[in-house]
N, C-alpha and C. Protein backbone atom coordinates (compact mmCIF):
# COMPACT_ATOMS: atom_id res chain seq x y z
N UNK A 1 115.03 81.77 114.29
CA UNK A 1 114.44 82.60 113.24
C UNK A 1 113.25 83.37 113.77
N UNK A 2 113.06 84.53 113.24
CA UNK A 2 111.96 85.39 113.65
C UNK A 2 110.63 84.85 113.13
N UNK A 3 109.58 85.08 113.91
CA UNK A 3 108.24 84.68 113.48
C UNK A 3 107.58 85.78 112.66
N UNK A 4 108.23 86.93 112.55
CA UNK A 4 107.69 88.06 111.82
C UNK A 4 107.63 87.73 110.33
N UNK A 5 106.54 88.13 109.69
CA UNK A 5 106.39 87.90 108.25
C UNK A 5 107.45 88.70 107.50
N UNK A 6 108.01 88.11 106.47
CA UNK A 6 109.02 88.78 105.67
C UNK A 6 108.47 90.08 105.10
N UNK A 7 107.23 90.07 104.69
CA UNK A 7 106.62 91.26 104.08
C UNK A 7 106.49 92.43 105.06
N UNK A 8 106.65 92.16 106.37
CA UNK A 8 106.54 93.20 107.38
C UNK A 8 107.90 93.65 107.90
N UNK A 9 108.97 93.03 107.41
CA UNK A 9 110.32 93.32 107.91
C UNK A 9 110.88 94.59 107.29
N UNK A 10 111.65 95.30 108.10
CA UNK A 10 112.42 96.42 107.58
C UNK A 10 113.60 95.84 106.80
N UNK A 11 114.31 96.71 106.11
CA UNK A 11 115.49 96.26 105.37
C UNK A 11 116.48 95.61 106.33
N UNK A 12 116.72 96.27 107.45
CA UNK A 12 117.71 95.77 108.40
C UNK A 12 117.31 94.42 108.98
N UNK A 13 116.03 94.26 109.29
CA UNK A 13 115.56 92.97 109.82
C UNK A 13 115.71 91.86 108.79
N UNK A 14 115.34 92.16 107.56
CA UNK A 14 115.43 91.16 106.49
C UNK A 14 116.89 90.81 106.21
N UNK A 15 117.77 91.79 106.23
CA UNK A 15 119.19 91.54 105.98
C UNK A 15 119.77 90.65 107.08
N UNK A 16 119.43 90.95 108.32
CA UNK A 16 119.93 90.15 109.44
C UNK A 16 119.42 88.71 109.33
N UNK A 17 118.14 88.55 109.02
CA UNK A 17 117.57 87.21 108.88
C UNK A 17 118.23 86.47 107.71
N UNK A 18 118.51 87.18 106.63
CA UNK A 18 119.18 86.57 105.47
C UNK A 18 120.58 86.12 105.84
N UNK A 19 121.29 86.93 106.61
CA UNK A 19 122.63 86.55 107.07
C UNK A 19 122.58 85.28 107.92
N UNK A 20 121.55 85.16 108.75
CA UNK A 20 121.39 83.96 109.58
C UNK A 20 121.12 82.74 108.71
N UNK A 21 120.30 82.89 107.69
CA UNK A 21 120.00 81.79 106.78
C UNK A 21 121.28 81.33 106.08
N UNK A 22 122.02 82.28 105.56
CA UNK A 22 123.27 81.96 104.85
C UNK A 22 124.24 81.24 105.79
N UNK A 23 124.34 81.72 107.01
CA UNK A 23 125.24 81.11 107.99
C UNK A 23 124.85 79.66 108.26
N UNK A 24 123.56 79.42 108.41
CA UNK A 24 123.08 78.06 108.66
C UNK A 24 123.36 77.16 107.46
N UNK A 25 123.12 77.67 106.26
CA UNK A 25 123.36 76.86 105.06
C UNK A 25 124.85 76.58 104.89
N UNK A 26 125.68 77.58 105.16
CA UNK A 26 127.13 77.40 105.01
C UNK A 26 127.71 76.44 106.04
N UNK A 27 127.04 76.28 107.18
CA UNK A 27 127.56 75.40 108.22
C UNK A 27 127.59 73.95 107.77
N UNK A 28 126.68 73.59 106.87
CA UNK A 28 126.62 72.22 106.39
C UNK A 28 126.00 71.26 107.38
N UNK A 29 125.47 71.78 108.47
CA UNK A 29 124.88 70.93 109.51
C UNK A 29 123.36 70.91 109.46
N UNK A 30 122.81 71.14 108.29
CA UNK A 30 121.36 71.20 108.14
C UNK A 30 120.92 70.07 107.21
N UNK A 31 119.88 69.36 107.62
CA UNK A 31 119.35 68.27 106.79
C UNK A 31 118.78 68.81 105.49
N UNK A 32 118.66 67.95 104.51
CA UNK A 32 118.25 68.35 103.16
C UNK A 32 116.93 69.11 103.16
N UNK A 33 115.91 68.57 103.80
CA UNK A 33 114.60 69.24 103.79
C UNK A 33 114.67 70.61 104.45
N UNK A 34 115.42 70.70 105.55
CA UNK A 34 115.59 71.99 106.22
C UNK A 34 116.37 72.95 105.34
N UNK A 35 117.35 72.42 104.60
CA UNK A 35 118.13 73.26 103.69
C UNK A 35 117.23 73.85 102.61
N UNK A 36 116.33 73.06 102.09
CA UNK A 36 115.41 73.54 101.06
C UNK A 36 114.54 74.65 101.62
N UNK A 37 114.01 74.45 102.83
CA UNK A 37 113.18 75.48 103.47
C UNK A 37 113.98 76.75 103.72
N UNK A 38 115.22 76.59 104.19
CA UNK A 38 116.07 77.75 104.42
C UNK A 38 116.36 78.49 103.12
N UNK A 39 116.62 77.75 102.06
CA UNK A 39 116.91 78.37 100.77
C UNK A 39 115.69 79.17 100.29
N UNK A 40 114.50 78.59 100.44
CA UNK A 40 113.29 79.30 100.04
C UNK A 40 113.08 80.57 100.86
N UNK A 41 113.33 80.48 102.16
CA UNK A 41 113.21 81.67 103.02
C UNK A 41 114.26 82.70 102.62
N UNK A 42 115.46 82.24 102.33
CA UNK A 42 116.52 83.14 101.90
C UNK A 42 116.15 83.90 100.63
N UNK A 43 115.53 83.20 99.69
CA UNK A 43 115.11 83.84 98.45
C UNK A 43 114.05 84.90 98.73
N UNK A 44 113.14 84.61 99.64
CA UNK A 44 112.09 85.57 100.00
C UNK A 44 112.71 86.79 100.71
N UNK A 45 113.67 86.54 101.59
CA UNK A 45 114.34 87.64 102.29
C UNK A 45 115.14 88.50 101.32
N UNK A 46 115.81 87.88 100.37
CA UNK A 46 116.58 88.62 99.35
C UNK A 46 115.65 89.53 98.56
N UNK A 47 114.50 89.00 98.20
CA UNK A 47 113.53 89.80 97.44
C UNK A 47 113.07 91.00 98.27
N UNK A 48 112.83 90.78 99.56
CA UNK A 48 112.39 91.88 100.44
C UNK A 48 113.47 92.96 100.53
N UNK A 49 114.71 92.54 100.67
CA UNK A 49 115.82 93.50 100.73
C UNK A 49 115.89 94.31 99.44
N UNK A 50 115.74 93.65 98.31
CA UNK A 50 115.77 94.36 97.02
C UNK A 50 114.63 95.35 96.91
N UNK A 51 113.43 94.96 97.39
CA UNK A 51 112.28 95.87 97.34
C UNK A 51 112.53 97.11 98.19
N UNK A 52 113.05 96.90 99.41
CA UNK A 52 113.30 98.03 100.30
C UNK A 52 114.40 98.94 99.75
N UNK A 53 115.42 98.38 99.12
CA UNK A 53 116.47 99.20 98.50
C UNK A 53 115.91 100.03 97.36
N UNK A 54 115.04 99.42 96.57
CA UNK A 54 114.44 100.14 95.44
C UNK A 54 113.60 101.31 95.96
N UNK A 55 112.84 101.07 97.02
CA UNK A 55 112.05 102.14 97.62
C UNK A 55 112.95 103.29 98.07
N UNK A 56 114.06 102.96 98.71
CA UNK A 56 114.98 103.98 99.18
C UNK A 56 115.60 104.75 98.02
N UNK A 57 115.98 104.04 96.96
CA UNK A 57 116.55 104.69 95.78
C UNK A 57 115.56 105.65 95.16
N UNK A 58 114.29 105.26 95.10
CA UNK A 58 113.26 106.13 94.53
C UNK A 58 113.07 107.37 95.38
N UNK A 59 113.13 107.23 96.70
CA UNK A 59 113.00 108.38 97.58
C UNK A 59 114.17 109.34 97.39
N UNK A 60 115.37 108.81 97.30
CA UNK A 60 116.56 109.64 97.09
C UNK A 60 116.48 110.34 95.74
N UNK A 61 116.03 109.63 94.72
CA UNK A 61 115.93 110.22 93.38
C UNK A 61 114.90 111.34 93.34
N UNK A 62 113.95 111.32 94.27
CA UNK A 62 112.89 112.33 94.25
C UNK A 62 113.26 113.59 95.01
N UNK A 63 114.40 113.60 95.68
CA UNK A 63 114.81 114.79 96.43
C UNK A 63 115.21 115.88 95.45
N UNK A 64 114.66 117.07 95.66
CA UNK A 64 115.01 118.21 94.80
C UNK A 64 115.98 119.12 95.53
N UNK A 65 116.86 119.74 94.78
CA UNK A 65 117.88 120.63 95.34
C UNK A 65 117.68 122.03 94.79
N UNK A 66 118.05 123.04 95.59
CA UNK A 66 118.01 124.41 95.09
C UNK A 66 119.34 124.72 94.41
N UNK A 67 119.52 125.97 93.99
CA UNK A 67 120.73 126.36 93.26
C UNK A 67 121.99 126.17 94.08
N UNK A 68 121.86 126.20 95.40
CA UNK A 68 123.02 126.01 96.28
C UNK A 68 123.27 124.54 96.60
N UNK A 69 122.46 123.67 96.04
CA UNK A 69 122.62 122.24 96.30
C UNK A 69 121.98 121.77 97.59
N UNK A 70 121.14 122.61 98.19
CA UNK A 70 120.47 122.25 99.43
C UNK A 70 119.14 121.57 99.11
N UNK A 71 118.77 120.51 99.86
CA UNK A 71 117.48 119.87 99.64
C UNK A 71 116.33 120.84 99.88
N UNK A 72 115.37 120.86 98.99
CA UNK A 72 114.23 121.75 99.13
C UNK A 72 112.92 120.98 99.26
N UNK A 73 112.95 119.69 99.11
CA UNK A 73 111.74 118.89 99.18
C UNK A 73 111.87 117.70 98.26
N UNK A 74 110.73 117.23 97.84
CA UNK A 74 110.74 116.10 96.92
C UNK A 74 109.92 116.44 95.69
N UNK A 75 110.21 115.71 94.64
CA UNK A 75 109.48 115.88 93.38
C UNK A 75 108.83 114.55 93.03
N UNK A 76 107.76 114.58 92.27
CA UNK A 76 107.16 113.33 91.83
C UNK A 76 108.19 112.50 91.07
N UNK A 77 108.10 111.19 91.21
CA UNK A 77 109.08 110.32 90.56
C UNK A 77 109.05 110.40 89.04
N UNK A 78 107.90 110.75 88.48
CA UNK A 78 107.83 110.81 87.03
C UNK A 78 108.25 112.18 86.48
N UNK A 79 108.61 113.09 87.36
CA UNK A 79 109.08 114.41 86.89
C UNK A 79 110.50 114.30 86.39
N UNK A 80 110.83 115.09 85.44
CA UNK A 80 112.22 115.09 85.03
C UNK A 80 112.35 115.01 83.60
């Protein structure tokens, strides 16, 4: 597992770490206490992935298009 803080991970890093956690839990070869720690880390990683996806969705929603459908910039998120 990475020593990097979850709060500093990119979406891709958090997703990869989450996949590793799930794989370890699914293997069934983890002791109970370790399973609990893995589950807690998995929950934190899932939350990070959701946060990063929400950020990306907000950025996409803020893209403005001209009459030809070409991106022209961004608009404030509360516009509309």
